[in-house]
Amino acid sequence: MITEKQIMLSCSACSKEDAIRLVGQRMIELGFITAEYVNEMLEREKICSTYIANGIAIPHGLNNRSASILKEGMVIAQFPEGVYYDSERAYLLFSIAGCGERHLKILSAVADFIENNEVNQKLRTVSSLTPFYRMIEYFEARAL
């Protein structure tokens, strides 16, 4: 289950690498990952962009069985001005530390956000934690 501590609103970053470090730091603080996992997320970006579509990126490490994952978790960050992922701009980052089948379920849940343009647009611009959190809870309950 997502908690309010896993949500970051009104973020800004100069680059996708800075955005990944920002969400990675929150994941460290919440006990999901070690600092090495942040490096794995950055390495993954060098190999293949984690930008998906419709302003959404899903930064994650190279190996969903990494020893750098201390426990499964996700941090969702909103970047109202966007962060460039090559030629695309990401407004929402769903940063994942997951293992096995649970990792795939999280990816599937994020796919629902990509398909729902109305919710996607609201999540990009909402400035208060409560409505953002409620929209996330709704999709989480349906998908996971």
C-alpha atoms as a PDB file:
ATOM      1  CA  MET A   1       0.000   0.000   0.000  1.00  0.00           C
ATOM      2  CA  ILE A   2       1.170   3.475  -0.863  1.00  0.00           C
ATOM      3  CA  THR A   3       1.515   5.930   2.014  1.00  0.00           C
ATOM      4  CA  GLU A   4       1.612   9.705   1.864  1.00  0.00           C
ATOM      5  CA  LYS A   5       5.352   9.586   2.602  1.00  0.00           C
ATOM      6  CA  GLN A   6       5.811   7.841  -0.742  1.00  0.00           C
ATOM      7  CA  ILE A   7       4.379  10.810  -2.637  1.00  0.00           C
ATOM      8  CA  MET A   8       6.444  13.836  -3.618  1.00  0.00           C
ATOM      9  CA  LEU A   9       4.603  16.845  -5.052  1.00  0.00           C
ATOM     10  CA  SER A  10       5.879  19.943  -6.860  1.00  0.00           C
ATOM     11  CA  CYS A  11       9.329  18.518  -7.542  1.00  0.00           C
ATOM     12  CA  SER A  12      11.828  20.032  -9.935  1.00  0.00           C
ATOM     13  CA  ALA A  13      15.006  18.698 -11.466  1.00  0.00           C
ATOM     14  CA  CYS A  14      17.380  19.862 -14.187  1.00  0.00           C
ATOM     15  CA  SER A  15      17.771  16.390 -15.679  1.00  0.00           C
ATOM     16  CA  LYS A  16      16.333  12.893 -15.537  1.00  0.00           C
ATOM     17  CA  GLU A  17      19.442  11.849 -13.591  1.00  0.00           C
ATOM     18  CA  ASP A  18      18.724  14.502 -10.940  1.00  0.00           C
ATOM     19  CA  ALA A  19      15.078  13.396 -10.824  1.00  0.00           C
ATOM     20  CA  ILE A  20      16.145   9.773 -10.315  1.00  0.00           C
ATOM     21  CA  ARG A  21      18.534  10.789  -7.535  1.00  0.00           C
ATOM     22  CA  LEU A  22      15.730  12.759  -5.884  1.00  0.00           C
ATOM     23  CA  VAL A  23      13.250   9.866  -5.849  1.00  0.00           C
ATOM     24  CA  GLY A  24      16.069   7.477  -5.006  1.00  0.00           C
ATOM     25  CA  GLN A  25      16.936   9.500  -1.909  1.00  0.00           C
ATOM     26  CA  ARG A  26      13.331   9.277  -0.721  1.00  0.00           C
ATOM     27  CA  MET A  27      13.384   5.508  -1.328  1.00  0.00           C
ATOM     28  CA  ILE A  28      16.542   5.262   0.786  1.00  0.00           C
ATOM     29  CA  GLU A  29      14.945   7.335   3.566  1.00  0.00           C
ATOM     30  CA  LEU A  30      11.912   5.023   3.548  1.00  0.00           C
ATOM     31  CA  GLY A  31      14.121   1.935   3.818  1.00  0.00           C
ATOM     32  CA  PHE A  32      13.238   0.444   0.421  1.00  0.00           C
ATOM     33  CA  ILE A  33      16.711   0.483  -1.116  1.00  0.00           C
ATOM     34  CA  THR A  34      20.392   1.115  -0.549  1.00  0.00           C
ATOM     35  CA  ALA A  35      22.327   3.857  -2.326  1.00  0.00           C
ATOM     36  CA  GLU A  36      23.597   1.228  -4.757  1.00  0.00           C
ATOM     37  CA  TYR A  37      20.091   0.805  -6.159  1.00  0.00           C
ATOM     38  CA  VAL A  38      20.076   4.478  -7.164  1.00  0.00           C
ATOM     39  CA  ASN A  39      23.213   3.741  -9.190  1.00  0.00           C
ATOM     40  CA  GLU A  40      21.412   0.761 -10.751  1.00  0.00           C
ATOM     41  CA  MET A  41      18.511   3.028 -11.751  1.00  0.00           C
ATOM     42  CA  LEU A  42      20.951   5.451 -13.374  1.00  0.00           C
ATOM     43  CA  GLU A  43      22.669   2.570 -15.184  1.00  0.00           C
ATOM     44  CA  ARG A  44      19.328   1.343 -16.510  1.00  0.00           C
ATOM     45  CA  GLU A  45      18.721   4.795 -18.020  1.00  0.00           C
ATOM     46  CA  LYS A  46      22.012   4.537 -19.906  1.00  0.00           C
ATOM     47  CA  ILE A  47      20.902   1.212 -21.390  1.00  0.00           C
ATOM     48  CA  CYS A  48      17.243   1.963 -22.036  1.00  0.00           C
ATOM     49  CA  SER A  49      15.043   4.898 -21.101  1.00  0.00           C
ATOM     50  CA  THR A  50      12.352   4.208 -18.528  1.00  0.00           C
ATOM     51  CA  TYR A  51      10.104   6.851 -20.059  1.00  0.00           C
ATOM     52  CA  ILE A  52       6.916   4.996 -20.993  1.00  0.00           C
ATOM     53  CA  ALA A  53       4.337   7.359 -22.533  1.00  0.00           C
ATOM     54  CA  ASN A  54       1.958  10.235 -21.782  1.00  0.00           C
ATOM     55  CA  GLY A  55       4.385  12.029 -19.484  1.00  0.00           C
ATOM     56  CA  ILE A  56       5.156   9.016 -17.272  1.00  0.00           C
ATOM     57  CA  ALA A  57       8.507   7.412 -16.467  1.00  0.00           C
ATOM     58  CA  ILE A  58       9.123   4.347 -14.322  1.00  0.00           C
ATOM     59  CA  PRO A  59      12.704   4.494 -13.051  1.00  0.00           C
ATOM     60  CA  HIS A  60      13.855   1.169 -11.655  1.00  0.00           C
ATOM     61  CA  GLY A  61      17.047  -0.829 -11.355  1.00  0.00           C
ATOM     62  CA  LEU A  62      18.666  -3.352 -13.627  1.00  0.00           C
ATOM     63  CA  ASN A  63      17.671  -6.416 -11.660  1.00  0.00           C
ATOM     64  CA  ASN A  64      14.413  -6.877  -9.767  1.00  0.00           C
ATOM     65  CA  ARG A  65      16.210  -9.389  -7.541  1.00  0.00           C
ATOM     66  CA  SER A  66      18.959  -6.955  -6.593  1.00  0.00           C
ATOM     67  CA  ALA A  67      20.516  -7.177  -3.144  1.00  0.00           C
ATOM     68  CA  SER A  68      20.149  -3.379  -3.111  1.00  0.00           C
ATOM     69  CA  ILE A  69      16.376  -3.770  -2.644  1.00  0.00           C
ATOM     70  CA  LEU A  70      15.767  -3.976   1.099  1.00  0.00           C
ATOM     71  CA  LYS A  71      11.977  -4.198   0.783  1.00  0.00           C
ATOM     72  CA  GLU A  72       9.470  -3.629  -1.975  1.00  0.00           C
ATOM     73  CA  GLY A  73       8.213  -0.121  -2.416  1.00  0.00           C
ATOM     74  CA  MET A  74       7.468   2.722  -4.736  1.00  0.00           C
ATOM     75  CA  VAL A  75       7.829   6.488  -4.666  1.00  0.00           C
ATOM     76  CA  ILE A  76       5.649   8.646  -6.882  1.00  0.00           C
ATOM     77  CA  ALA A  77       6.992  12.076  -7.776  1.00  0.00           C
ATOM     78  CA  GLN A  78       5.188  14.875  -9.551  1.00  0.00           C
ATOM     79  CA  PHE A  79       7.203  17.297 -11.687  1.00  0.00           C
ATOM     80  CA  PRO A  80       4.722  20.012 -12.798  1.00  0.00           C
ATOM     81  CA  GLU A  81       7.263  21.580 -15.188  1.00  0.00           C
ATOM     82  CA  GLY A  82       8.382  18.183 -16.418  1.00  0.00           C
ATOM     83  CA  VAL A  83      11.776  16.527 -16.672  1.00  0.00           C
ATOM     84  CA  TYR A  84      13.271  15.777 -20.054  1.00  0.00           C
ATOM     85  CA  TYR A  85      13.711  12.117 -20.848  1.00  0.00           C
ATOM     86  CA  ASP A  86      15.584  12.515 -24.103  1.00  0.00           C
ATOM     87  CA  SER A  87      13.019  14.151 -26.403  1.00  0.00           C
ATOM     88  CA  GLU A  88      10.016  13.489 -24.135  1.00  0.00           C
ATOM     89  CA  ARG A  89       8.968  15.254 -20.964  1.00  0.00           C
ATOM     90  CA  ALA A  90       7.967  13.244 -17.873  1.00  0.00           C
ATOM     91  CA  TYR A  91       5.633  14.823 -15.332  1.00  0.00           C
ATOM     92  CA  LEU A  92       5.091  11.772 -13.140  1.00  0.00           C
ATOM     93  CA  LEU A  93       7.786   9.353 -11.994  1.00  0.00           C
ATOM     94  CA  PHE A  94       6.769   6.030 -10.480  1.00  0.00           C
ATOM     95  CA  SER A  95      10.047   4.790  -9.046  1.00  0.00           C
ATOM     96  CA  ILE A  96       9.897   1.085  -8.261  1.00  0.00           C
ATOM     97  CA  ALA A  97      11.866  -1.297  -6.070  1.00  0.00           C
ATOM     98  CA  GLY A  98      10.094  -4.590  -6.510  1.00  0.00           C
ATOM     99  CA  CYS A  99      10.785  -8.274  -6.713  1.00  0.00           C
ATOM    100  CA  GLY A 100       9.435 -10.996  -8.959  1.00  0.00           C
ATOM    101  CA  GLU A 101       5.726 -11.086  -9.744  1.00  0.00           C
ATOM    102  CA  ARG A 102       4.919  -8.130  -7.460  1.00  0.00           C
ATOM    103  CA  HIS A 103       7.233  -5.998  -9.624  1.00  0.00           C
ATOM    104  CA  LEU A 104       5.154  -6.917 -12.680  1.00  0.00           C
ATOM    105  CA  LYS A 105       1.892  -6.094 -10.874  1.00  0.00           C
ATOM    106  CA  ILE A 106       3.221  -2.648 -10.028  1.00  0.00           C
ATOM    107  CA  LEU A 107       4.174  -2.080 -13.664  1.00  0.00           C
ATOM    108  CA  SER A 108       0.698  -3.175 -14.713  1.00  0.00           C
ATOM    109  CA  ALA A 109      -0.918  -0.757 -12.255  1.00  0.00           C
ATOM    110  CA  VAL A 110       1.148   2.107 -13.663  1.00  0.00           C
ATOM    111  CA  ALA A 111      -0.090   1.161 -17.130  1.00  0.00           C
ATOM    112  CA  ASP A 112      -3.601   2.083 -15.940  1.00  0.00           C
ATOM    113  CA  PHE A 113      -2.382   5.629 -15.301  1.00  0.00           C
ATOM    114  CA  ILE A 114      -0.943   5.834 -18.785  1.00  0.00           C
ATOM    115  CA  GLU A 115      -4.269   4.846 -20.313  1.00  0.00           C
ATOM    116  CA  ASN A 116      -6.394   7.190 -18.185  1.00  0.00           C
ATOM    117  CA  ASN A 117      -5.585  10.647 -19.563  1.00  0.00           C
ATOM    118  CA  GLU A 118      -8.031  12.443 -17.258  1.00  0.00           C
ATOM    119  CA  VAL A 119      -6.428  11.086 -14.074  1.00  0.00           C
ATOM    120  CA  ASN A 120      -2.950  11.510 -15.548  1.00  0.00           C
ATOM    121  CA  GLN A 121      -3.635  15.227 -16.205  1.00  0.00           C
ATOM    122  CA  LYS A 122      -5.053  15.741 -12.697  1.00  0.00           C
ATOM    123  CA  LEU A 123      -2.053  14.055 -11.072  1.00  0.00           C
ATOM    124  CA  ARG A 124       0.302  16.345 -13.013  1.00  0.00           C
ATOM    125  CA  THR A 125      -1.273  19.525 -11.701  1.00  0.00           C
ATOM    126  CA  VAL A 126      -2.867  18.854  -8.315  1.00  0.00           C
ATOM    127  CA  SER A 127      -1.006  20.788  -5.627  1.00  0.00           C
ATOM    128  CA  SER A 128      -2.438  19.178  -2.509  1.00  0.00           C
ATOM    129  CA  LEU A 129      -1.390  15.811  -1.138  1.00  0.00           C
ATOM    130  CA  THR A 130      -4.872  14.602  -0.154  1.00  0.00           C
ATOM    131  CA  PRO A 131      -6.513  14.561  -3.607  1.00  0.00           C
ATOM    132  CA  PHE A 132      -3.329  13.168  -5.180  1.00  0.00           C
ATOM    133  CA  TYR A 133      -3.203  10.403  -2.581  1.00  0.00           C
ATOM    134  CA  ARG A 134      -6.894   9.543  -3.052  1.00  0.00           C
ATOM    135  CA  MET A 135      -6.458   9.118  -6.808  1.00  0.00           C
ATOM    136  CA  ILE A 136      -3.448   6.847  -6.215  1.00  0.00           C
ATOM    137  CA  GLU A 137      -5.377   4.817  -3.629  1.00  0.00           C
ATOM    138  CA  TYR A 138      -8.254   4.318  -6.062  1.00  0.00           C
ATOM    139  CA  PHE A 139      -6.007   2.888  -8.774  1.00  0.00           C
ATOM    140  CA  GLU A 140      -3.977   0.883  -6.298  1.00  0.00           C
ATOM    141  CA  ALA A 141      -7.104  -0.792  -4.938  1.00  0.00           C
ATOM    142  CA  ARG A 142      -8.257  -1.672  -8.445  1.00  0.00           C
ATOM    143  CA  ALA A 143      -4.920  -2.890  -9.765  1.00  0.00           C
ATOM    144  CA  LEU A 144      -3.126  -4.510  -6.870  1.00  0.00           C
END
